[in-house]
């Protein structure tokens, strides 16, 4: 009930604001007509009400970008449309206006409101060609039933409505926060800052339940066995694509100046097969060790299997003899593969050639170092780094060990060697990772995940859970630190900056290039969470000109943010008043530029 009231409240607030402004405009017009004259006060009042009403209406009449993909034609792929029609009828779901084919290993439904927050949805079904190729027809039927189940009228209409409302508010919240219209900010920022997190928190449970409902829809139409097989296959083949297939494709950049022309052709061939048993066991164990969190409405793999009545994947996935893509897309598969080959190669051409040139330079540097008989500590690390970049972690292990002989606390060498050792099943990697994360807080979560996955493979669940908990605690700490750094107020405590002379000189030289900067002040905010991560406050005093535009300060701010390189995280303010300036100017050695 509370979620429903919150959902209604969001719309009610918007209607109330718009109605209040429009009524005000109507009253002013009525007043002008009754007195039969228009004076400056009436004109000013009219525009005072009309302008924000117009700006708010424009901002709320947001147009949401439709998803990208190749639009399928019912005449060319009738089997695909027949299956979707069958499922939407059985699930009492709305018809899809568009079915799009994408190059992603994914499937989703998306509703694009034609009238912004007021609805009139245009429904999209987004189907990835790779997932069609990697699954059988019955398995794809299960995936489609899950996705269409989000819109089903057979299961929890209220939950489905909340699911769609959440999607709309996520989109609207992003659009309004990206808007530069001041009328919207004045009337909506404070409300949305309270409303959106509150509605998100209360509706989260229903959104999670909607995921389970969608799985039940899939099980009823395609069978629990097929749904469990799908969940297992998706876990395995998504990991295969990320860790094996694309890694292998991108390794070719060392020797090939241009990207391959048949990436998706190769992918579709691989996806019909099975994952090697040693990888399959490892990746399934990894997936089963993951836990459901509050970061995503989707339950974890283990919980979804359990809801279906399985403690583990019921069987090992078999090779796909005839893929769903071959059945549902027929002869058009080759056309789509050719298009995805072409578009991927086109998109990758520039970064691929840049990477090829970079690796060619790295090769030359490595060869020069290998010709030397004696290397300095810095050169030993550079050699290890070059080998790592060219040949991977395992090939770099001897060089990394040499770095640690000379510099036992070297952060990057410890972390990289630890990762390589753990992937080989060597527990010595734990100590290396521990050394690295003890020195660099932003490596803690990645390091804990590596150690957690290693202990899961070793079937040491208690140790694995320790590192999972440690990662979660550090994530919460980083969230608090991020929140603490979101803003600076006049009440915050500042202290002198701790930048080196070289860092200050570099920053000063960059700021001197802006002729409209009169003064620049630098200090550090005193923070409670992760104080070792410096958080600087840069205050800029702008030179005032007679012909300045209203957005001159904003333009200067944007230029500094986009173009100036800072050695630490920084919060920037272009001063409009004296209060903040006086506060930072009182900090010792805060004035770093005056011109």
Protein backbone atom coordinates (compact mmCIF):
# COMPACT_ATOMS: atom_id res chain seq x y z
CA UNK A 1 0.00 0.00 0.00
CA UNK A 2 2.81 2.39 0.92
CA UNK A 3 4.55 1.71 -2.42
CA UNK A 4 1.34 2.48 -4.30
CA UNK A 5 0.89 5.73 -2.39
CA UNK A 6 4.49 6.71 -3.15
CA UNK A 7 3.97 5.96 -6.82
CA UNK A 8 0.85 8.13 -6.89
CA UNK A 9 2.60 10.85 -4.88
CA UNK A 10 5.26 11.25 -7.57
CA UNK A 11 2.70 11.91 -10.25
CA UNK A 12 0.60 13.98 -7.87
CA UNK A 13 3.46 16.34 -7.07
CA UNK A 14 4.18 16.96 -10.73
CA UNK A 15 0.52 17.56 -11.59
CA UNK A 16 0.16 19.84 -8.57
CA UNK A 17 3.12 22.02 -9.53
CA UNK A 18 2.01 22.29 -13.15
CA UNK A 19 -1.60 22.90 -12.21
CA UNK A 20 -0.64 25.58 -9.68
CA UNK A 21 1.45 27.47 -12.21
CA UNK A 22 -1.18 27.20 -14.94
CA UNK A 23 -3.94 28.33 -12.59
CA UNK A 24 -1.75 31.28 -11.66
CA UNK A 25 -1.32 32.16 -15.35
CA UNK A 26 -5.11 31.87 -15.86
CA UNK A 27 -5.80 34.15 -12.87
CA UNK A 28 -3.40 36.79 -14.18
CA UNK A 29 -5.02 36.68 -17.62
CA UNK A 30 -8.48 36.89 -16.01
CA UNK A 31 -7.36 39.86 -13.90
CA UNK A 32 -6.01 41.66 -16.98
CA UNK A 33 -9.26 41.09 -18.86
CA UNK A 34 -11.40 42.26 -15.93
CA UNK A 35 -9.53 45.56 -15.46
CA UNK A 36 -9.25 45.92 -19.25
CA UNK A 37 -5.72 47.13 -19.14
CA UNK A 38 -2.27 45.65 -18.88
CA UNK A 39 0.37 47.32 -16.76
CA UNK A 40 3.98 46.35 -16.04
CA UNK A 41 3.08 44.53 -12.80
CA UNK A 42 0.62 42.25 -14.59
CA UNK A 43 3.11 41.56 -17.41
CA UNK A 44 5.86 40.72 -14.93
CA UNK A 45 3.56 38.44 -12.93
CA UNK A 46 2.36 36.73 -16.11
CA UNK A 47 5.88 35.88 -17.25
CA UNK A 48 6.95 35.02 -13.70
CA UNK A 49 4.40 32.21 -13.76
CA UNK A 50 4.44 31.29 -17.45
CA UNK A 51 8.20 30.93 -17.90
CA UNK A 52 8.75 28.32 -15.14
CA UNK A 53 5.55 26.51 -16.22
CA UNK A 54 6.84 26.33 -19.79
CA UNK A 55 10.32 25.24 -18.68
CA UNK A 56 8.91 22.53 -16.42
CA UNK A 57 6.53 21.30 -19.11
CA UNK A 58 9.41 21.12 -21.60
CA UNK A 59 11.61 19.25 -19.17
CA UNK A 60 8.90 16.79 -18.19
CA UNK A 61 7.96 16.24 -21.82
CA UNK A 62 11.15 14.25 -22.11
CA UNK A 63 11.73 12.00 -25.06
CA UNK A 64 13.39 8.72 -24.15
CA UNK A 65 15.78 7.35 -26.71
CA UNK A 66 14.66 4.01 -28.14
CA UNK A 67 17.06 1.06 -27.85
CA UNK A 68 19.43 0.37 -30.70
CA UNK A 69 19.42 -2.73 -32.87
CA UNK A 70 18.40 -4.19 -36.20
CA UNK A 71 14.63 -4.11 -36.53
CA UNK A 72 13.29 -7.52 -37.49
CA UNK A 73 10.68 -7.87 -40.23
CA UNK A 74 7.75 -10.22 -39.67
CA UNK A 75 7.83 -11.27 -43.32
CA UNK A 76 11.51 -12.28 -43.17
CA UNK A 77 11.54 -14.03 -39.78
CA UNK A 78 7.97 -15.32 -39.28
CA UNK A 79 9.05 -18.04 -36.82
CA UNK A 80 10.44 -15.44 -34.40
CA UNK A 81 7.25 -13.37 -34.48
CA UNK A 82 5.08 -16.48 -34.18
CA UNK A 83 6.90 -17.54 -30.99
CA UNK A 84 6.69 -14.05 -29.48
CA UNK A 85 2.98 -13.81 -30.36
CA UNK A 86 2.34 -17.19 -28.76
CA UNK A 87 4.08 -16.21 -25.52
CA UNK A 88 2.50 -12.77 -25.24
CA UNK A 89 -0.95 -14.34 -25.68
CA UNK A 90 -0.35 -17.05 -23.07
CA UNK A 91 1.12 -14.56 -20.61
CA UNK A 92 -1.53 -11.91 -21.25
CA UNK A 93 1.25 -9.42 -22.04
CA UNK A 94 1.04 -6.40 -24.34
CA UNK A 95 2.11 -6.85 -27.96
CA UNK A 96 5.56 -5.68 -29.01
CA UNK A 97 5.75 -2.85 -31.48
CA UNK A 98 9.36 -3.64 -32.35
CA UNK A 99 11.67 -6.64 -32.08
CA UNK A 100 15.32 -5.65 -32.32
CA UNK A 101 18.31 -7.90 -32.93
CA UNK A 102 21.58 -6.88 -31.24
CA UNK A 103 25.15 -8.24 -31.13
CA UNK A 104 24.99 -8.70 -27.33
CA UNK A 105 24.68 -11.90 -25.33
CA UNK A 106 21.46 -10.71 -23.75
CA UNK A 107 17.72 -10.49 -24.02
CA UNK A 108 15.46 -7.79 -22.55
CA UNK A 109 12.17 -5.96 -22.80
CA UNK A 110 12.00 -2.18 -22.79
CA UNK A 111 9.07 0.18 -22.68
CA UNK A 112 9.66 3.67 -24.06
CA UNK A 113 6.97 6.11 -22.87
CA UNK A 114 5.84 8.26 -25.77
CA UNK A 115 4.41 10.82 -23.32
CA UNK A 116 7.28 10.82 -20.87
CA UNK A 117 6.14 10.09 -17.32
CA UNK A 118 2.53 10.02 -18.49
CA UNK A 119 3.02 6.75 -20.32
CA UNK A 120 1.60 5.43 -23.61
CA UNK A 121 4.34 2.86 -23.86
CA UNK A 122 6.01 1.68 -27.03
CA UNK A 123 7.15 -1.89 -26.35
CA UNK A 124 10.50 -3.25 -27.52
CA UNK A 125 11.79 -6.79 -27.35
CA UNK A 126 15.59 -6.80 -27.56
CA UNK A 127 17.12 -10.09 -28.63
CA UNK A 128 20.84 -10.78 -28.83
CA UNK A 129 21.99 -12.91 -31.75
CA UNK A 130 24.72 -14.57 -29.62
CA UNK A 131 22.22 -15.78 -27.00
CA UNK A 132 19.98 -17.18 -29.76
CA UNK A 133 22.98 -19.08 -31.11
CA UNK A 134 24.14 -20.35 -27.73
CA UNK A 135 20.77 -21.83 -26.66
CA UNK A 136 18.26 -24.36 -27.96
CA UNK A 137 14.78 -23.34 -29.02
CA UNK A 138 13.23 -24.59 -25.74
CA UNK A 139 15.83 -22.66 -23.75
CA UNK A 140 15.23 -19.45 -25.70
CA UNK A 141 11.51 -19.95 -25.13
CA UNK A 142 12.29 -19.94 -21.39
CA UNK A 143 14.32 -16.73 -21.67
CA UNK A 144 11.60 -15.03 -23.70
CA UNK A 145 8.95 -16.16 -21.23
CA UNK A 146 11.00 -14.64 -18.38
CA UNK A 147 11.41 -11.30 -20.14
CA UNK A 148 7.82 -11.10 -21.36
CA UNK A 149 6.76 -12.22 -17.88
CA UNK A 150 7.84 -8.79 -16.59
CA UNK A 151 4.88 -7.36 -18.49
CA UNK A 152 2.52 -10.26 -17.89
CA UNK A 153 -1.01 -9.76 -16.62
CA UNK A 154 -1.11 -13.32 -15.25
CA UNK A 155 1.22 -12.73 -12.33
CA UNK A 156 1.07 -9.83 -9.89
CA UNK A 157 -0.30 -7.01 -12.02
CA UNK A 158 0.60 -4.60 -9.24
CA UNK A 159 4.21 -5.87 -9.11
CA UNK A 160 4.49 -5.51 -12.88
CA UNK A 161 3.10 -1.98 -12.71
CA UNK A 162 5.63 -1.03 -10.02
CA UNK A 163 8.37 -2.63 -12.14
CA UNK A 164 7.44 -0.35 -15.06
CA UNK A 165 7.05 2.72 -12.84
CA UNK A 166 10.56 2.15 -11.44
CA UNK A 167 11.97 2.01 -14.96
CA UNK A 168 10.22 5.26 -15.90
CA UNK A 169 11.35 7.10 -12.77
CA UNK A 170 14.94 5.93 -13.28
CA UNK A 171 14.86 7.42 -16.76
CA UNK A 172 13.14 10.62 -15.65
CA UNK A 173 15.49 11.13 -12.70
CA UNK A 174 18.53 10.85 -14.98
CA UNK A 175 17.04 13.22 -17.54
CA UNK A 176 16.08 15.94 -15.02
CA UNK A 177 19.47 15.74 -13.31
CA UNK A 178 21.17 16.13 -16.68
CA UNK A 179 18.97 19.13 -17.51
CA UNK A 180 20.44 22.64 -17.30
CA UNK A 181 17.03 24.29 -17.00
CA UNK A 182 16.98 26.30 -13.79
CA UNK A 183 13.17 26.26 -13.45
CA UNK A 184 13.27 22.48 -13.15
CA UNK A 185 16.04 22.55 -10.57
CA UNK A 186 14.25 25.00 -8.29
CA UNK A 187 10.97 23.08 -8.14
CA UNK A 188 12.07 19.48 -8.58
CA UNK A 189 15.60 18.91 -7.27
CA UNK A 190 14.69 18.91 -3.58
CA UNK A 191 11.58 16.78 -4.13
CA UNK A 192 13.36 14.26 -6.34
CA UNK A 193 16.34 14.08 -3.97
CA UNK A 194 13.89 12.83 -1.33
CA UNK A 195 11.33 11.03 -3.47
CA UNK A 196 13.52 8.97 -5.78
CA UNK A 197 15.67 7.23 -3.10
CA UNK A 198 12.56 6.67 -0.94
CA UNK A 199 10.49 5.20 -3.77
CA UNK A 200 13.47 3.13 -4.92
CA UNK A 201 13.95 1.65 -1.45
CA UNK A 202 10.26 0.79 -0.90
CA UNK A 203 9.74 -0.60 -4.40
CA UNK A 204 12.95 -2.62 -4.42
CA UNK A 205 11.37 -5.67 -2.79
CA UNK A 206 8.51 -5.71 -5.29
CA UNK A 207 10.97 -5.37 -8.17
CA UNK A 208 12.91 -8.36 -6.77
CA UNK A 209 9.67 -10.34 -6.49
CA UNK A 210 8.91 -9.43 -10.11
CA UNK A 211 12.11 -11.23 -11.13
CA UNK A 212 10.97 -14.39 -9.33
CA UNK A 213 7.51 -14.02 -10.89
CA UNK A 214 9.13 -13.79 -14.32
CA UNK A 215 11.07 -17.02 -13.61
CA UNK A 216 7.81 -18.72 -12.59
CA UNK A 217 6.23 -17.59 -15.85
CA UNK A 218 9.12 -19.13 -17.73
CA UNK A 219 8.89 -22.38 -15.75
CA UNK A 220 5.16 -22.73 -16.41
CA UNK A 221 5.58 -22.30 -20.16
CA UNK A 222 8.96 -23.92 -20.81
CA UNK A 223 9.44 -26.22 -17.80
CA UNK A 224 11.66 -25.88 -14.73
CA UNK A 225 14.36 -28.02 -16.32
CA UNK A 226 14.70 -25.70 -19.30
CA UNK A 227 14.79 -22.62 -17.08
CA UNK A 228 17.53 -24.17 -14.91
CA UNK A 229 19.46 -25.14 -18.06
CA UNK A 230 19.13 -21.59 -19.36
CA UNK A 231 20.41 -20.06 -16.13
CA UNK A 232 23.39 -22.42 -16.18
CA UNK A 233 24.15 -21.90 -19.87
CA UNK A 234 23.94 -18.13 -19.57
CA UNK A 235 26.33 -18.13 -16.60
CA UNK A 236 28.83 -20.33 -18.44
CA UNK A 237 28.68 -18.82 -21.89
CA UNK A 238 28.71 -15.20 -20.72
CA UNK A 239 31.88 -15.97 -18.77
CA UNK A 240 33.30 -17.78 -21.81
CA UNK A 241 32.71 -14.74 -23.99
CA UNK A 242 34.21 -12.30 -21.49
CA UNK A 243 37.21 -14.34 -20.38
CA UNK A 244 38.07 -16.56 -23.32
CA UNK A 245 36.57 -15.52 -26.63
CA UNK A 246 36.99 -11.74 -26.60
CA UNK A 247 40.31 -12.03 -24.76
CA UNK A 248 41.55 -14.25 -27.59
CA UNK A 249 40.25 -11.87 -30.25
CA UNK A 250 41.97 -8.87 -28.68
CA UNK A 251 45.24 -10.75 -28.24
CA UNK A 252 45.54 -10.66 -32.02
CA UNK A 253 46.17 -6.91 -31.91
CA UNK A 254 49.85 -7.55 -31.18
CA UNK A 255 50.42 -9.01 -34.64
CA UNK A 256 47.55 -7.71 -36.75
CA UNK A 257 47.28 -4.00 -37.64
CA UNK A 258 43.56 -4.35 -38.42
CA UNK A 259 40.78 -6.08 -36.48
CA UNK A 260 39.54 -9.43 -37.84
CA UNK A 261 36.68 -9.31 -40.32
CA UNK A 262 34.88 -12.39 -38.95
CA UNK A 263 34.65 -11.88 -35.16
CA UNK A 264 30.94 -12.72 -34.94
CA UNK A 265 31.22 -15.62 -37.35
CA UNK A 266 33.83 -17.15 -35.04
CA UNK A 267 31.71 -16.38 -31.98
CA UNK A 268 28.61 -18.11 -33.29
CA UNK A 269 30.61 -21.23 -34.11
CA UNK A 270 32.05 -21.33 -30.59
CA UNK A 271 28.71 -20.71 -28.86
CA UNK A 272 27.16 -23.91 -30.21
CA UNK A 273 29.76 -25.97 -28.36
CA UNK A 274 30.22 -26.60 -24.65
CA UNK A 275 32.60 -24.96 -22.22
CA UNK A 276 35.60 -27.23 -21.36
CA UNK A 277 34.85 -29.25 -18.17
CA UNK A 278 37.66 -27.70 -16.12
CA UNK A 279 36.38 -24.21 -16.89
CA UNK A 280 32.75 -25.25 -16.49
CA UNK A 281 33.30 -26.60 -12.96
CA UNK A 282 35.25 -23.50 -11.93
CA UNK A 283 32.75 -21.01 -13.33
CA UNK A 284 29.69 -22.83 -11.95
CA UNK A 285 31.30 -22.86 -8.51
CA UNK A 286 32.00 -19.14 -8.85
CA UNK A 287 28.39 -18.45 -9.84
CA UNK A 288 27.03 -20.55 -6.96
CA UNK A 289 29.23 -18.67 -4.48
CA UNK A 290 27.77 -15.29 -5.42
CA UNK A 291 25.11 -13.83 -3.15
CA UNK A 292 22.04 -11.73 -3.78
CA UNK A 293 22.73 -8.11 -2.82
CA UNK A 294 20.82 -4.86 -2.63
CA UNK A 295 22.77 -3.46 -5.56
CA UNK A 296 20.61 -5.25 -8.13
CA UNK A 297 16.99 -6.39 -8.20
CA UNK A 298 18.09 -9.63 -9.90
CA UNK A 299 18.55 -12.54 -7.48
CA UNK A 300 21.82 -14.44 -7.66
CA UNK A 301 22.21 -17.67 -9.64
CA UNK A 302 21.94 -19.92 -6.57
CA UNK A 303 18.77 -18.26 -5.29
CA UNK A 304 17.08 -18.47 -8.68
CA UNK A 305 17.89 -22.19 -8.92
CA UNK A 306 16.62 -22.73 -5.37
CA UNK A 307 13.32 -20.99 -6.19
CA UNK A 308 12.92 -23.48 -9.05
CA UNK A 309 13.58 -26.43 -6.72
CA UNK A 310 17.25 -27.10 -7.56
CA UNK A 311 20.24 -26.88 -5.20
CA UNK A 312 22.70 -27.13 -8.08
CA UNK A 313 22.48 -27.09 -11.88
CA UNK A 314 20.56 -30.30 -12.64
CA UNK A 315 22.78 -31.48 -15.54
CA UNK A 316 25.91 -30.46 -17.38
CA UNK A 317 24.95 -28.35 -20.43
CA UNK A 318 25.10 -30.29 -23.69
CA UNK A 319 26.28 -28.96 -27.06
CA UNK A 320 23.65 -27.11 -29.09
CA UNK A 321 22.97 -29.27 -32.12
CA UNK A 322 20.45 -26.90 -33.71
CA UNK A 323 20.46 -23.39 -32.28
CA UNK A 324 17.43 -21.22 -31.75
CA UNK A 325 18.98 -18.69 -34.13
CA UNK A 326 18.92 -21.22 -36.96
CA UNK A 327 15.26 -22.03 -36.35
CA UNK A 328 13.88 -18.57 -35.56
CA UNK A 329 15.94 -16.51 -38.01
CA UNK A 330 16.37 -19.07 -40.78
CA UNK A 331 18.47 -18.02 -43.76
CA UNK A 332 18.63 -14.42 -42.55
CA UNK A 333 21.22 -15.45 -39.88
CA UNK A 334 24.02 -15.03 -42.38
CA UNK A 335 22.87 -11.52 -43.25
CA UNK A 336 22.83 -10.48 -39.60
CA UNK A 337 26.21 -12.06 -38.91
CA UNK A 338 27.72 -10.20 -41.86
CA UNK A 339 26.24 -6.92 -40.58
CA UNK A 340 27.57 -7.46 -37.04
CA UNK A 341 30.99 -8.46 -38.41
CA UNK A 342 31.10 -5.26 -40.43
CA UNK A 343 29.84 -2.90 -37.72
CA UNK A 344 32.13 -4.37 -35.04
CA UNK A 345 35.17 -4.13 -37.31
CA UNK A 346 34.29 -0.57 -38.24
CA UNK A 347 33.86 0.46 -34.60
CA UNK A 348 37.10 -1.22 -33.53
CA UNK A 349 39.28 -0.01 -36.41
CA UNK A 350 40.68 3.16 -34.79
CA UNK A 351 41.24 1.85 -31.22
CA UNK A 352 42.65 -1.38 -32.64
CA UNK A 353 45.22 0.46 -34.75
CA UNK A 354 46.11 2.70 -31.80
CA UNK A 355 46.62 -0.36 -29.64
CA UNK A 356 48.71 -2.04 -32.37
CA UNK A 357 50.96 1.04 -32.58
CA UNK A 358 51.27 1.16 -28.80
CA UNK A 359 52.23 -2.51 -28.54
CA UNK A 360 54.76 -2.10 -31.34
CA UNK A 361 56.37 0.65 -29.27
CA UNK A 362 56.26 -1.55 -26.16
CA UNK A 363 57.96 -4.37 -28.10
CA UNK A 364 60.80 -2.04 -29.08
CA UNK A 365 61.23 -0.87 -25.47
CA UNK A 366 61.22 -4.45 -24.19
CA UNK A 367 63.83 -5.50 -26.75
CA UNK A 368 66.05 -2.60 -25.67
CA UNK A 369 65.80 -3.62 -22.01
CA UNK A 370 66.46 -7.29 -22.81
CA UNK A 371 69.70 -6.31 -24.51
CA UNK A 372 71.01 -4.67 -21.32
CA UNK A 373 73.19 -6.70 -18.97
CA UNK A 374 72.24 -4.73 -15.84
CA UNK A 375 68.94 -3.09 -15.01
CA UNK A 376 68.00 -0.54 -12.38
CA UNK A 377 65.09 -1.15 -10.03
CA UNK A 378 62.88 1.04 -12.19
CA UNK A 379 63.96 -0.77 -15.37
CA UNK A 380 63.26 -4.18 -13.80
CA UNK A 381 59.66 -3.07 -13.15
CA UNK A 382 59.33 -1.62 -16.66
CA UNK A 383 60.53 -4.89 -18.15
CA UNK A 384 58.02 -6.86 -16.07
CA UNK A 385 55.28 -4.44 -17.08
CA UNK A 386 56.12 -4.74 -20.79
CA UNK A 387 56.15 -8.53 -20.62
CA UNK A 388 52.85 -8.42 -18.76
CA UNK A 389 51.28 -6.22 -21.41
CA UNK A 390 52.55 -8.28 -24.31
CA UNK A 391 52.44 -11.85 -23.03
CA UNK A 392 50.18 -11.94 -19.99
CA UNK A 393 50.45 -12.59 -16.27
CA UNK A 394 52.04 -16.01 -16.35
CA UNK A 395 54.82 -15.01 -18.75
CA UNK A 396 55.62 -12.02 -16.55
CA UNK A 397 55.93 -14.02 -13.32
CA UNK A 398 59.75 -14.39 -13.30
CA UNK A 399 60.17 -10.66 -13.89
CA UNK A 400 57.57 -9.79 -11.24
CA UNK A 401 59.40 -11.97 -8.72
CA UNK A 402 62.61 -10.13 -9.56
CA UNK A 403 60.87 -6.82 -8.88
CA UNK A 404 59.77 -8.07 -5.46
CA UNK A 405 63.26 -9.28 -4.59
CA UNK A 406 64.43 -5.70 -4.98
CA UNK A 407 61.24 -3.93 -3.82
CA UNK A 408 59.21 -6.29 -1.58
CA UNK A 409 56.39 -3.77 -1.07
CA UNK A 410 55.88 -2.83 -4.73
CA UNK A 411 52.09 -2.55 -4.98
CA UNK A 412 51.50 -3.32 -8.66
CA UNK A 413 54.02 -6.19 -8.74
CA UNK A 414 52.51 -7.80 -5.64
CA UNK A 415 48.97 -7.53 -6.97
CA UNK A 416 49.82 -8.80 -10.46
CA UNK A 417 51.96 -11.69 -9.22
CA UNK A 418 49.32 -12.60 -6.66
CA UNK A 419 46.65 -12.72 -9.35
CA UNK A 420 48.83 -14.96 -11.55
CA UNK A 421 49.63 -17.32 -8.64
CA UNK A 422 45.99 -17.63 -7.60
CA UNK A 423 44.94 -18.44 -11.15
CA UNK A 424 47.48 -21.28 -11.04
CA UNK A 425 45.99 -22.53 -7.78
CA UNK A 426 48.96 -21.39 -5.68
CA UNK A 427 47.98 -20.08 -2.22
CA UNK A 428 51.15 -17.97 -2.12
CA UNK A 429 49.20 -15.44 -4.17
CA UNK A 430 47.05 -14.59 -1.13
CA UNK A 431 50.01 -13.01 0.69
CA UNK A 432 50.94 -10.97 -2.39
CA UNK A 433 47.40 -9.66 -2.80
CA UNK A 434 47.19 -8.86 0.91
CA UNK A 435 50.38 -6.79 0.68
CA UNK A 436 48.99 -4.81 -2.25
CA UNK A 437 45.54 -4.07 -0.83
CA UNK A 438 47.02 -3.06 2.52
CA UNK A 439 48.77 -0.19 0.72
CA UNK A 440 46.17 0.86 -1.86
CA UNK A 441 42.53 1.03 -0.79
CA UNK A 442 41.09 1.07 -4.32
CA UNK A 443 42.46 -2.45 -4.89
CA UNK A 444 40.66 -3.98 -1.90
CA UNK A 445 37.46 -5.09 -3.63
CA UNK A 446 39.21 -6.57 -6.68
CA UNK A 447 41.81 -8.22 -4.47
CA UNK A 448 39.20 -9.73 -2.15
CA UNK A 449 37.28 -11.08 -5.14
CA UNK A 450 40.41 -12.81 -6.47
CA UNK A 451 41.10 -14.44 -3.11
CA UNK A 452 37.41 -15.30 -2.62
CA UNK A 453 37.23 -17.04 -6.01
CA UNK A 454 40.46 -18.92 -5.25
CA UNK A 455 39.13 -20.28 -1.94
CA UNK A 456 35.84 -21.23 -3.60
CA UNK A 457 37.79 -23.31 -6.13
CA UNK A 458 39.67 -24.91 -3.24
CA UNK A 459 36.33 -25.66 -1.52
CA UNK A 460 37.39 -23.58 1.48
CA UNK A 461 34.07 -21.81 1.88
CA UNK A 462 34.74 -20.31 5.32
CA UNK A 463 37.84 -18.47 4.08
CA UNK A 464 35.99 -17.46 0.91
CA UNK A 465 33.16 -15.98 2.96
CA UNK A 466 35.66 -13.99 5.03
CA UNK A 467 36.95 -12.21 1.93
CA UNK A 468 33.45 -11.75 0.55
CA UNK A 469 32.46 -10.03 3.81
CA UNK A 470 35.63 -7.95 3.73
CA UNK A 471 34.84 -6.76 0.20
CA UNK A 472 31.27 -5.88 1.18
CA UNK A 473 32.47 -3.92 4.22
CA UNK A 474 34.97 -2.03 2.09
CA UNK A 475 32.30 -1.30 -0.50
CA UNK A 476 30.10 0.23 2.22
CA UNK A 477 33.10 2.25 3.41
CA UNK A 478 33.73 3.55 -0.11
CA UNK A 479 30.06 4.49 -0.46
CA UNK A 480 30.28 6.55 2.73
CA UNK A 481 33.51 8.14 1.50
CA UNK A 482 31.92 8.95 -1.85
CA UNK A 483 28.89 10.49 -0.15
CA UNK A 484 31.18 12.55 2.09
CA UNK A 485 32.93 13.89 -1.02
CA UNK A 486 29.79 14.76 -2.99
CA UNK A 487 29.81 18.38 -1.83
CA UNK A 488 31.55 21.05 0.21
CA UNK A 489 29.67 23.41 2.49
CA UNK A 490 30.64 26.51 4.42
CA UNK A 491 30.53 24.41 7.58
CA UNK A 492 33.12 21.86 6.43
CA UNK A 493 36.56 21.89 8.00
CA UNK A 494 39.44 22.67 5.64
CA UNK A 495 43.15 22.12 6.08
CA UNK A 496 46.29 23.03 4.08
CA UNK A 497 46.79 20.95 0.96
CA UNK A 498 49.49 18.27 0.92
CA UNK A 499 50.39 18.42 -2.76
CA UNK A 500 54.09 18.35 -3.61
CA UNK A 501 55.89 21.34 -5.10
CA UNK A 502 55.94 19.58 -8.47
CA UNK A 503 52.21 18.90 -8.35
CA UNK A 504 51.41 22.51 -7.42
CA UNK A 505 53.70 23.83 -10.19
CA UNK A 506 51.96 21.63 -12.74
CA UNK A 507 48.51 22.71 -11.57
CA UNK A 508 49.51 26.40 -11.54
CA UNK A 509 50.89 26.21 -15.09
CA UNK A 510 47.62 24.71 -16.35
CA UNK A 511 45.46 27.33 -14.61
CA UNK A 512 47.62 30.19 -15.92
CA UNK A 513 46.41 29.43 -19.44
CA UNK A 514 42.93 30.74 -18.51
CA UNK A 515 43.05 34.53 -18.84
CA UNK A 516 39.76 35.00 -16.98
CA UNK A 517 41.09 33.39 -13.77
CA UNK A 518 42.08 36.11 -11.30
CA UNK A 519 42.93 33.94 -8.28
CA UNK A 520 42.98 30.25 -7.44
CA UNK A 521 42.91 28.76 -3.94
CA UNK A 522 43.56 25.16 -2.96
CA UNK A 523 42.90 23.35 0.32
CA UNK A 524 41.82 19.89 1.49
CA UNK A 525 38.53 18.94 3.07
CA UNK A 526 38.89 17.11 6.38
CA UNK A 527 37.14 13.75 5.83
CA UNK A 528 36.28 10.90 8.17
CA UNK A 529 36.19 8.03 5.68
CA UNK A 530 39.34 6.96 3.82
CA UNK A 531 41.31 10.05 4.90
CA UNK A 532 44.36 8.63 3.12
CA UNK A 533 42.59 9.49 -0.16
CA UNK A 534 43.12 13.24 -0.37
CA UNK A 535 40.11 15.32 -1.30
CA UNK A 536 41.02 18.81 -2.50
CA UNK A 537 38.89 21.93 -2.84
CA UNK A 538 39.83 24.31 -5.65
CA UNK A 539 38.24 27.75 -5.45
CA UNK A 540 38.49 30.10 -8.43
CA UNK A 541 37.97 33.85 -8.47
CA UNK A 542 36.98 34.99 -11.97
CA UNK A 543 37.88 38.32 -13.54
CA UNK A 544 34.71 40.32 -14.05
CA UNK A 545 34.03 41.99 -17.42
CA UNK A 546 31.39 44.42 -18.57
CA UNK A 547 30.35 42.20 -21.44
CA UNK A 548 30.30 38.91 -19.51
CA UNK A 549 27.52 36.52 -20.41
CA UNK A 550 25.29 35.09 -17.73
CA UNK A 551 26.89 31.67 -18.05
CA UNK A 552 30.52 32.90 -18.05
CA UNK A 553 31.21 31.30 -14.66
CA UNK A 554 29.67 28.00 -15.78
CA UNK A 555 31.73 27.97 -18.96
CA UNK A 556 34.94 28.55 -17.01
CA UNK A 557 33.99 25.80 -14.58
CA UNK A 558 33.32 23.35 -17.44
CA UNK A 559 36.63 24.16 -19.12
CA UNK A 560 38.62 23.60 -15.93
CA UNK A 561 36.82 20.32 -15.19
CA UNK A 562 37.33 18.97 -18.69
CA UNK A 563 40.84 20.22 -19.44
CA UNK A 564 42.87 20.49 -16.23
CA UNK A 565 44.59 17.37 -14.86
CA UNK A 566 44.56 17.03 -11.07
CA UNK A 567 46.75 14.70 -9.02
CA UNK A 568 43.90 13.99 -6.57
CA UNK A 569 40.13 13.96 -6.41
CA UNK A 570 38.99 17.59 -6.43
CA UNK A 571 35.85 19.66 -5.88
CA UNK A 572 35.80 22.89 -7.91
CA UNK A 573 33.86 26.09 -7.27
CA UNK A 574 33.94 29.33 -9.26
CA UNK A 575 33.13 31.85 -6.54
CA UNK A 576 30.04 33.99 -6.98
CA UNK A 577 30.14 35.45 -3.44
CA UNK A 578 32.70 36.17 -0.75
CA UNK A 579 31.72 33.70 1.99
CA UNK A 580 33.41 30.63 0.51
CA UNK A 581 36.37 32.66 -0.68
CA UNK A 582 37.03 34.03 2.79
CA UNK A 583 36.88 30.54 4.27
CA UNK A 584 39.42 28.97 1.89
CA UNK A 585 41.61 32.09 1.82
CA UNK A 586 42.04 31.77 5.58
CA UNK A 587 43.69 28.36 5.13
CA UNK A 588 47.49 28.50 5.23
CA UNK A 589 49.22 28.45 1.80
CA UNK A 590 45.89 28.14 -0.02
CA UNK A 591 46.59 30.87 -2.62
CA UNK A 592 48.31 29.08 -5.49
CA UNK A 593 47.69 31.54 -8.34
CA UNK A 594 47.19 35.29 -8.66
CA UNK A 595 47.25 37.04 -12.02
